[in-house]
Protein backbone atom coordinates (compact mmCIF):
# COMPACT_ATOMS: atom_id res chain seq x y z
CA MET A 1 39.52 55.59 17.14
CA ALA A 2 41.74 53.25 14.80
CA THR A 3 39.83 49.97 15.21
CA GLN A 4 36.67 51.65 13.76
CA VAL A 5 37.96 52.29 10.63
CA ILE A 6 36.30 51.07 7.33
CA GLU A 7 38.24 49.26 4.59
CA GLY A 8 35.67 48.08 1.94
CA ASP A 9 32.65 45.86 4.31
CA LEU A 10 34.76 45.05 7.06
CA PRO A 11 36.94 46.95 10.08
CA VAL A 12 40.21 46.60 9.50
CA PRO A 13 41.34 44.45 12.66
CA VAL A 14 38.79 42.35 12.10
CA ARG A 15 39.48 41.52 8.09
CA ALA A 16 43.40 41.43 9.40
CA ARG A 17 42.20 38.62 12.43
CA SER A 18 40.96 36.56 9.48
CA TRP A 19 44.24 35.97 7.82
CA LYS A 20 46.08 35.38 10.68
CA TRP A 21 45.78 31.37 10.14
CA MET A 22 47.99 32.38 7.89
CA THR A 23 51.29 31.98 9.42
CA PRO A 24 54.84 32.87 7.88
CA ALA A 25 55.42 29.13 7.73
CA MET A 26 52.04 28.18 5.47
CA VAL A 27 53.22 30.97 3.02
CA ALA A 28 56.86 29.89 3.08
CA SER A 29 55.69 26.41 2.46
CA LEU A 30 53.43 27.54 -0.13
CA ILE A 31 55.96 29.67 -1.89
CA GLY A 32 58.17 26.91 -1.44
CA ALA A 33 55.90 24.08 -3.71
CA VAL A 34 55.04 27.12 -6.92
CA VAL A 35 58.79 27.52 -7.02
CA LEU A 36 59.41 23.84 -7.06
CA ALA A 37 56.36 23.10 -9.53
CA VAL A 38 58.26 25.12 -12.54
CA PRO A 39 59.40 22.84 -14.97
CA ALA A 40 62.80 24.45 -15.20
CA VAL A 41 63.24 23.62 -11.42
CA ARG A 42 62.39 20.22 -11.23
CA ASP A 43 64.43 19.64 -14.46
CA SER A 44 67.59 20.80 -13.05
CA PHE A 45 67.02 18.21 -9.51
CA GLN A 46 66.76 15.36 -11.93
CA LEU A 47 69.41 16.51 -14.08
CA GLU A 48 72.09 16.70 -10.64
CA GLY A 49 70.44 13.38 -9.68
CA LEU A 50 68.18 14.94 -6.96
CA ARG A 51 65.54 13.72 -7.89
CA TRP A 52 64.91 11.16 -4.01
CA LEU A 53 65.03 15.52 -2.81
CA TYR A 54 62.79 16.69 -5.00
CA VAL A 55 60.15 13.95 -4.60
CA LEU A 56 61.30 14.36 -0.35
CA LEU A 57 61.23 18.14 -0.14
CA LEU A 58 57.75 18.68 -3.08
CA ALA A 59 55.57 16.48 -0.69
CA PHE A 60 57.10 17.76 2.42
CA LEU A 61 56.38 21.69 1.48
CA GLY A 62 52.92 21.20 -0.38
CA SER A 63 51.44 19.37 2.55
CA CYS A 64 53.36 21.79 5.09
CA ALA A 65 50.93 24.62 2.92
CA LEU A 66 47.49 22.95 3.21
CA THR A 67 47.91 21.48 6.48
CA PRO A 68 46.53 24.79 8.17
CA VAL A 69 43.64 25.15 5.51
CA MET A 70 42.30 22.22 6.29
CA VAL A 71 42.45 23.38 10.27
CA GLN A 72 40.16 26.19 8.73
CA ILE A 73 37.87 24.21 6.30
CA SER A 74 37.35 21.61 9.49
CA HIS A 75 36.78 24.61 12.44
CA ARG A 76 34.48 26.91 9.42
CA TRP A 77 32.22 23.34 8.29
CA ASN A 78 32.18 22.28 11.96
CA LEU A 79 34.06 19.06 10.87
CA VAL A 80 35.93 18.37 14.18
CA ASP A 81 36.50 15.38 16.70
CA ILE A 82 34.10 16.07 19.76
CA PRO A 83 36.23 14.85 22.77
CA THR A 84 34.27 11.68 24.80
CA GLU A 85 34.88 8.68 27.00
CA ARG A 86 36.44 6.90 24.99
CA LYS A 87 38.27 9.53 23.58
CA ILE A 88 41.82 11.08 25.17
CA HIS A 89 41.56 14.45 23.65
CA ALA A 90 40.21 17.22 25.75
CA GLN A 91 39.16 19.32 23.19
CA PRO A 92 37.26 19.38 19.57
CA THR A 93 40.05 18.90 17.06
CA PRO A 94 39.83 19.37 13.18
CA ARG A 95 39.86 15.82 11.69
CA LEU A 96 40.48 16.75 8.19
CA GLY A 97 44.69 15.96 8.10
CA GLY A 98 44.46 12.97 5.58
CA VAL A 99 43.48 15.58 3.12
CA ALA A 100 47.01 17.72 3.04
CA VAL A 101 48.71 14.20 3.49
CA TYR A 102 47.10 12.83 1.01
CA ALA A 103 47.43 15.79 -1.65
CA GLY A 104 50.95 16.41 -0.51
CA PHE A 105 52.02 12.75 -1.35
CA VAL A 106 49.69 12.66 -4.90
CA GLY A 107 51.01 15.99 -5.63
CA SER A 108 54.65 15.07 -5.29
CA VAL A 109 53.58 11.47 -7.20
CA LEU A 110 52.22 13.58 -10.47
CA MET A 111 54.99 16.43 -10.28
CA ASN A 112 57.42 13.35 -10.95
CA SER A 113 55.18 11.41 -13.04
CA ILE A 114 56.47 8.12 -11.03
CA LEU A 115 53.18 6.36 -12.21
CA PRO A 116 53.56 2.90 -13.86
CA ASP A 117 50.58 1.12 -13.94
CA TRP A 118 50.70 -0.66 -10.37
CA MET A 119 51.69 2.72 -8.98
CA THR A 120 48.29 4.24 -11.08
CA ALA A 121 46.54 1.07 -9.10
CA ILE A 122 48.06 2.31 -6.26
CA VAL A 123 46.64 5.81 -5.85
CA LEU A 124 43.28 5.12 -7.25
CA ALA A 125 42.26 2.45 -4.38
CA GLY A 126 44.18 5.11 -2.07
CA SER A 127 41.75 8.00 -3.30
CA LEU A 128 38.70 5.50 -2.69
CA LEU A 129 39.92 5.03 0.77
CA LEU A 130 40.28 8.56 1.43
CA LEU A 131 37.30 9.41 0.25
CA VAL A 132 35.40 6.74 2.30
CA GLY A 133 37.44 7.86 5.46
CA VAL A 134 36.86 11.32 4.89
CA ILE A 135 33.02 10.68 4.61
CA ASP A 136 32.91 8.02 7.93
CA ASP A 137 35.11 11.56 9.32
CA ILE A 138 31.60 13.64 8.79
CA ARG A 139 28.84 11.33 8.84
CA GLU A 140 29.87 8.17 10.98
CA LEU A 141 29.84 4.98 8.59
CA PRO A 142 29.45 1.10 9.86
CA ALA A 143 32.48 -1.19 9.78
CA SER A 144 31.46 -3.67 7.27
CA SER A 145 31.32 -0.68 5.03
CA LYS A 146 34.24 0.17 5.01
CA LEU A 147 35.78 -3.09 5.40
CA VAL A 148 33.97 -3.48 1.75
CA ALA A 149 35.62 -0.55 0.51
CA GLN A 150 39.10 -1.66 1.96
CA LEU A 151 38.78 -5.59 0.10
CA VAL A 152 37.57 -3.41 -3.23
CA ALA A 153 40.77 -1.20 -3.33
CA ALA A 154 42.48 -4.23 -2.14
CA GLY A 155 41.32 -6.10 -5.76
CA ILE A 156 42.45 -2.50 -7.64
CA VAL A 157 45.99 -3.50 -6.41
CA ILE A 158 45.54 -7.47 -7.12
CA ALA A 159 43.92 -6.59 -10.59
CA SER A 160 47.16 -4.18 -11.29
CA GLY A 161 49.42 -7.64 -11.15
CA LYS A 162 50.69 -6.94 -7.38
CA VAL A 163 50.62 -10.00 -5.50
CA LEU A 164 52.39 -12.05 -2.42
CA THR A 165 54.56 -14.48 -4.25
CA LEU A 166 55.16 -17.04 -1.04
CA PHE A 167 52.85 -20.06 -2.79
CA PRO A 168 54.34 -21.68 -5.77
CA SER A 169 53.47 -20.31 -9.23
CA ASP A 170 50.05 -22.91 -9.88
CA ILE A 171 46.47 -22.77 -9.49
CA ALA A 172 46.12 -23.43 -5.63
CA GLY A 173 49.30 -21.37 -5.14
CA ASP A 174 48.13 -18.50 -6.86
CA ALA A 175 44.84 -18.33 -5.18
CA ALA A 176 46.71 -18.53 -1.92
CA ASN A 177 48.72 -15.51 -2.59
CA MET A 178 46.05 -13.38 -3.57
CA LEU A 179 44.26 -14.23 -0.39
CA LEU A 180 47.32 -13.70 1.65
CA THR A 181 47.67 -10.20 -0.23
CA VAL A 182 43.92 -8.81 0.94
CA LEU A 183 44.57 -10.30 4.00
CA TRP A 184 48.29 -8.27 4.33
CA ILE A 185 46.70 -5.04 2.95
CA VAL A 186 43.38 -5.12 4.92
CA GLY A 187 44.90 -6.27 8.30
CA ILE A 188 47.47 -4.06 7.68
CA THR A 189 45.65 -0.72 6.88
CA ASN A 190 43.06 -1.98 9.70
CA ALA A 191 46.14 -2.14 12.26
CA PHE A 192 47.99 0.97 11.25
CA ASN A 193 44.55 2.91 11.58
CA PHE A 194 44.55 1.81 14.96
CA PHE A 195 47.34 3.61 16.25
CA ASP A 196 46.25 7.25 14.95
CA GLY A 197 44.81 6.90 18.92
CA MET A 198 47.63 9.48 19.97
CA ASP A 199 49.11 12.87 18.78
CA GLY A 200 51.63 12.22 16.32
CA LEU A 201 51.79 8.67 16.96
CA ALA A 202 50.49 7.82 12.90
CA THR A 203 52.90 9.56 11.45
CA GLY A 204 55.29 9.22 12.85
CA LEU A 205 54.83 5.64 12.30
CA ALA A 206 54.18 6.58 8.89
CA ILE A 207 57.77 8.05 8.38
CA LEU A 208 60.01 5.72 10.14
CA MET A 209 58.09 2.61 8.01
CA ALA A 210 58.03 4.43 5.21
CA GLY A 211 61.48 5.25 5.76
CA PHE A 212 63.42 1.64 6.06
CA MET A 213 61.24 0.63 3.22
CA GLY A 214 63.08 3.34 1.16
CA LEU A 215 66.39 2.50 2.39
CA VAL A 216 65.67 -1.71 1.03
CA ALA A 217 64.60 0.11 -2.56
CA PHE A 218 66.89 2.04 -3.33
CA GLU A 219 70.21 -0.44 -1.49
CA THR A 220 68.59 -2.91 -3.64
CA GLY A 221 68.07 -0.77 -7.23
CA GLN A 222 64.22 -0.12 -7.47
CA PRO A 223 64.28 3.88 -7.21
CA GLY A 224 60.75 3.88 -8.33
CA LEU A 225 59.72 2.44 -4.61
CA GLY A 226 62.43 4.27 -2.83
CA TRP A 227 60.65 7.59 -4.15
CA LEU A 228 57.52 6.59 -3.48
CA ALA A 229 58.90 5.86 0.37
CA LEU A 230 60.22 9.12 0.74
CA ALA A 231 56.72 10.78 -0.67
CA VAL A 232 54.90 9.19 2.77
CA ILE A 233 57.54 10.53 4.83
CA GLY A 234 57.89 13.67 2.97
CA ALA A 235 53.71 14.27 3.28
CA CYS A 236 53.88 12.78 6.89
CA ALA A 237 56.56 15.18 7.85
CA GLY A 238 55.23 18.56 6.65
CA PHE A 239 51.83 17.33 8.52
CA LEU A 240 53.90 16.63 12.25
CA PRO A 241 54.35 19.69 13.58
CA TYR A 242 50.55 20.40 13.59
CA ASN A 243 50.11 16.58 14.90
CA PHE A 244 52.68 16.41 17.40
CA ARG A 245 53.66 19.71 19.58
CA GLY A 246 54.47 17.79 22.66
CA ALA A 247 52.88 18.87 25.36
CA ARG A 248 50.35 20.98 23.94
CA PRO A 249 47.18 19.80 21.86
CA ALA A 250 46.94 18.52 18.33
CA LYS A 251 45.74 21.30 16.50
CA ILE A 252 45.11 19.04 13.54
CA PHE A 253 43.95 15.11 13.29
CA LEU A 254 44.51 12.61 10.45
CA GLY A 255 41.16 11.35 10.45
CA ASP A 256 39.95 8.30 9.57
CA GLY A 257 40.71 9.01 5.81
CA GLY A 258 44.07 9.76 6.46
CA SER A 259 44.88 6.61 8.40
CA THR A 260 43.19 4.44 6.41
CA PHE A 261 45.04 6.02 3.03
CA LEU A 262 48.35 6.05 4.83
CA GLY A 263 47.67 2.57 6.09
CA PHE A 264 46.90 1.71 2.75
CA THR A 265 49.62 2.97 0.71
CA LEU A 266 52.25 1.21 3.44
CA ALA A 267 51.12 -1.96 3.40
CA CYS A 268 50.50 -1.98 -0.72
CA LEU A 269 54.35 -0.26 -1.31
CA ALA A 270 55.59 -3.52 0.84
CA VAL A 271 54.02 -6.09 -1.70
CA LYS A 272 55.24 -4.12 -4.23
CA GLY A 273 59.07 -4.35 -2.72
CA ASN A 274 61.25 -7.03 -3.65
CA TRP A 275 63.00 -7.66 -0.59
CA ALA A 276 65.22 -10.29 -0.65
CA ASP A 277 66.85 -12.26 -4.07
CA ALA A 278 67.75 -16.12 -2.69
CA SER A 279 66.31 -15.71 0.58
CA PRO A 280 62.50 -16.69 1.11
CA LEU A 281 62.72 -16.49 4.86
CA VAL A 282 64.35 -12.44 4.87
CA SER A 283 61.59 -11.84 1.72
CA PHE A 284 59.14 -13.08 4.54
CA SER A 285 60.20 -11.75 7.76
CA ASN A 286 61.82 -8.48 6.09
CA PRO A 287 58.38 -6.47 6.42
CA LEU A 288 56.79 -8.76 9.25
CA LEU A 289 59.31 -7.01 11.17
CA ILE A 290 58.70 -3.45 9.73
CA PHE A 291 55.85 -3.73 10.03
CA GLY A 292 55.86 -5.74 13.20
CA VAL A 293 54.59 -3.19 15.81
CA LEU A 294 51.09 -3.10 13.99
CA ILE A 295 51.09 -6.50 13.59
CA TYR A 296 52.39 -7.62 17.39
CA ASP A 297 48.60 -4.97 18.37
CA MET A 298 46.38 -6.90 15.96
CA VAL A 299 47.13 -10.24 17.04
CA HIS A 300 47.22 -9.03 20.74
CA ILE A 301 44.33 -7.52 21.10
CA THR A 302 42.31 -9.98 18.60
CA VAL A 303 43.36 -12.96 20.83
CA GLU A 304 42.61 -11.11 24.12
CA ARG A 305 39.25 -9.89 22.83
CA VAL A 306 38.39 -13.14 22.31
CA ILE A 307 39.87 -15.04 24.70
CA THR A 308 38.25 -12.37 27.76
CA GLY A 309 34.44 -12.48 25.45
CA LYS A 310 34.63 -8.78 24.83
CA VAL A 311 33.71 -10.20 20.91
CA HIS A 312 31.97 -13.29 19.54
CA SER A 313 32.07 -13.04 16.06
CA VAL A 314 33.91 -10.63 13.19
CA LYS A 315 30.96 -8.38 12.93
CA GLU A 316 31.84 -7.36 17.08
CA TRP A 317 35.18 -7.45 16.86
CA LEU A 318 34.41 -4.77 13.33
CA ASP A 319 32.27 -3.15 15.72
CA TYR A 320 34.61 -2.23 18.98
CA VAL A 321 36.15 0.49 20.18
CA GLY A 322 38.34 0.43 23.05
CA LYS A 323 41.39 1.29 25.01
CA ASP A 324 43.16 -1.92 24.77
CA HIS A 325 45.60 -0.91 22.26
CA LEU A 326 49.10 -1.01 22.77
CA HIS A 327 50.10 2.87 23.01
CA HIS A 328 46.89 2.58 25.65
CA ARG A 329 48.51 -0.57 27.44
CA LEU A 330 52.12 1.38 27.36
CA GLU A 331 50.46 4.48 28.45
CA ARG A 332 48.65 3.11 31.55
CA ALA A 333 52.39 1.31 32.36
CA LEU A 334 54.49 4.36 32.12
CA GLY A 335 52.39 6.68 32.93
CA SER A 336 52.99 9.61 30.20
CA ARG A 337 51.16 9.24 26.65
CA GLN A 338 54.31 10.94 25.45
CA ALA A 339 56.16 8.47 26.81
CA SER A 340 53.59 5.68 24.92
CA VAL A 341 54.77 7.54 21.79
CA ALA A 342 58.32 7.75 22.08
CA MET A 343 58.46 3.56 23.40
CA ILE A 344 56.68 2.80 20.46
CA PHE A 345 59.31 4.93 18.24
CA LEU A 346 62.17 3.28 19.65
CA LEU A 347 60.50 -0.36 19.35
CA THR A 348 59.29 0.31 15.64
CA ILE A 349 63.03 1.37 15.22
CA CYS A 350 64.77 -1.85 16.86
CA LEU A 351 62.72 -4.05 14.54
CA GLY A 352 63.66 -1.90 11.72
CA LEU A 353 66.94 -2.60 12.63
CA SER A 354 66.59 -5.54 12.89
CA ALA A 355 65.18 -6.19 9.07
CA MET A 356 68.36 -4.05 7.61
CA ALA A 357 70.80 -6.45 9.07
CA LEU A 358 68.43 -9.34 8.39
CA ARG A 359 68.83 -8.64 4.42
CA HIS A 360 72.82 -9.07 4.58
CA ALA A 361 72.75 -12.43 6.97
CA GLY A 362 73.00 -15.66 6.37
CA LEU A 363 71.03 -18.82 8.14
CA GLN A 364 72.15 -18.77 11.20
CA GLU A 365 72.52 -15.12 11.52
CA ALA A 366 68.77 -14.51 10.54
CA VAL A 367 67.60 -16.43 12.69
CA LEU A 368 69.02 -15.05 15.84
CA LEU A 369 67.99 -11.29 14.81
CA LEU A 370 64.47 -12.92 14.47
CA ALA A 371 64.78 -14.36 17.74
CA GLN A 372 66.34 -11.07 19.22
CA ALA A 373 63.20 -9.11 18.15
CA GLY A 374 60.64 -11.99 19.55
CA LEU A 375 62.89 -11.09 22.75
CA ILE A 376 62.16 -7.35 22.22
CA VAL A 377 58.76 -7.95 21.85
CA ALA A 378 58.35 -9.73 24.71
CA MET A 379 59.97 -7.23 26.86
CA VAL A 380 57.14 -4.69 25.82
CA THR A 381 54.75 -8.01 26.75
CA LEU A 382 56.01 -8.05 30.16
CA LEU A 383 56.37 -4.00 30.40
CA GLU A 384 52.43 -3.94 29.23
CA VAL A 385 51.37 -6.77 32.05
CA SER A 386 51.80 -4.35 34.55
CA GLY A 387 50.25 -1.51 32.41
CA ARG A 388 47.11 -3.92 32.47
CA ALA A 389 46.46 -4.04 36.05
CA ARG A 390 46.16 -0.23 36.42
CA PRO A 391 42.89 1.36 36.44
C-alpha cells in the first residue's frame, strides 16, 4: 500500500504529518520576514519615509512566523497550561507564546537600530522579566521572587535616567519621583499580567494601549517612542490570531513571561513619553486614562480583598489567586467571555479617546473630560455589581 512506502527511516505519511503544523500563513510570514531583513529592502523603506511601516511589518511577520514554532515546542516539551478549578480554559494549552511576541518585538527594534541608552535598558530589563516569567511557566516561582525581579528591572530603567517627573527636582522630589516610577512600573506590570485570563484579552489591550501611545508620540514629535509602540502592536498582532479565535479555544497563551514582558514594556514607554509640554494636569492624566482599565482593576481588587478579609498582608495579596478581576466580573454580568473581552476593549478605547482629546483641551475642558471618564468607569462598576451577585 502507498501508505507503507518507506522514505528514509519513516513512512511517508508519518513524515508528512510531522510538518503539517507549518501552515501556509507561517511559511509566508517567515519568507516575508527574511525579505524585510535584507538591508537593501530596509533602506528602501527608510528612504521612502516608511520606517514606521517597516517596524510594524517586521514585528508582525516575525511574531506570526514564530508563534506556531512555540506551539510545537510547548507540546513537545509538555510546557502546557493544565486546566484547574481556578482556570477557565478546558484543555491543555501551550504557554510560551510570549517568547514569539518578544522575538518579534526585539528583532524589529534591533533591525532598525532603535537603541538609545534608555531603550537598551528597557530591552535588557524586559528580557530579564521574560526569562523569569518563562521559568515561572515551567516551574512555578514564589510571588516574592517575581516581585524582586520586577524591582530589579525597574531599577535598571531608572538607572538609565528615565523617571517620572511629577515632583520638583530637589533631593526629596527626586526620591519621590523614583519611588513613583517604581510603583508605576511594578504596578502596571502586575496589573497587565492579571488581565491575561481570557483569550485575546491581554494581547488586544497591549495593541490598544500601544496604539494610543504611538498616536501621541508621532503627534508630539517623538518618532523613537512611536516606532517602539508600533513594534509592540506588530508583535502582538502577529500573535493574536493564534490566541483569539472567537468561540474556539486559543492555540497558545502568552504565559507569565509574555504578559509580564508586555506590561513592563508598556509601563516603561509611558515613563519615557512626553505627554504635555505646558499642562501638568494633562501630563499626569493622559497615561492614567490610557492605562485606566488596568489601574481601575488593580484598585478595585485590592480594596475589595482587604475589606472582605481575603488578604491581611502584602504577602497574602501577592499570593492570592481568584476570579475577581474585571474580566471575571463582566463575564458573570454579561454571560459571555467574548462579550466581557469586547466590553473591556470598548472601555479602553473610550478612555484612550478621552486621553487624545485631553491633549488639546483647556483646563475647563480637561476637567470635564476627566469627569466623563469617571462616569464611564462608574457605569461599568454598576454593571459589575449585578455580576458580583451571580454565582
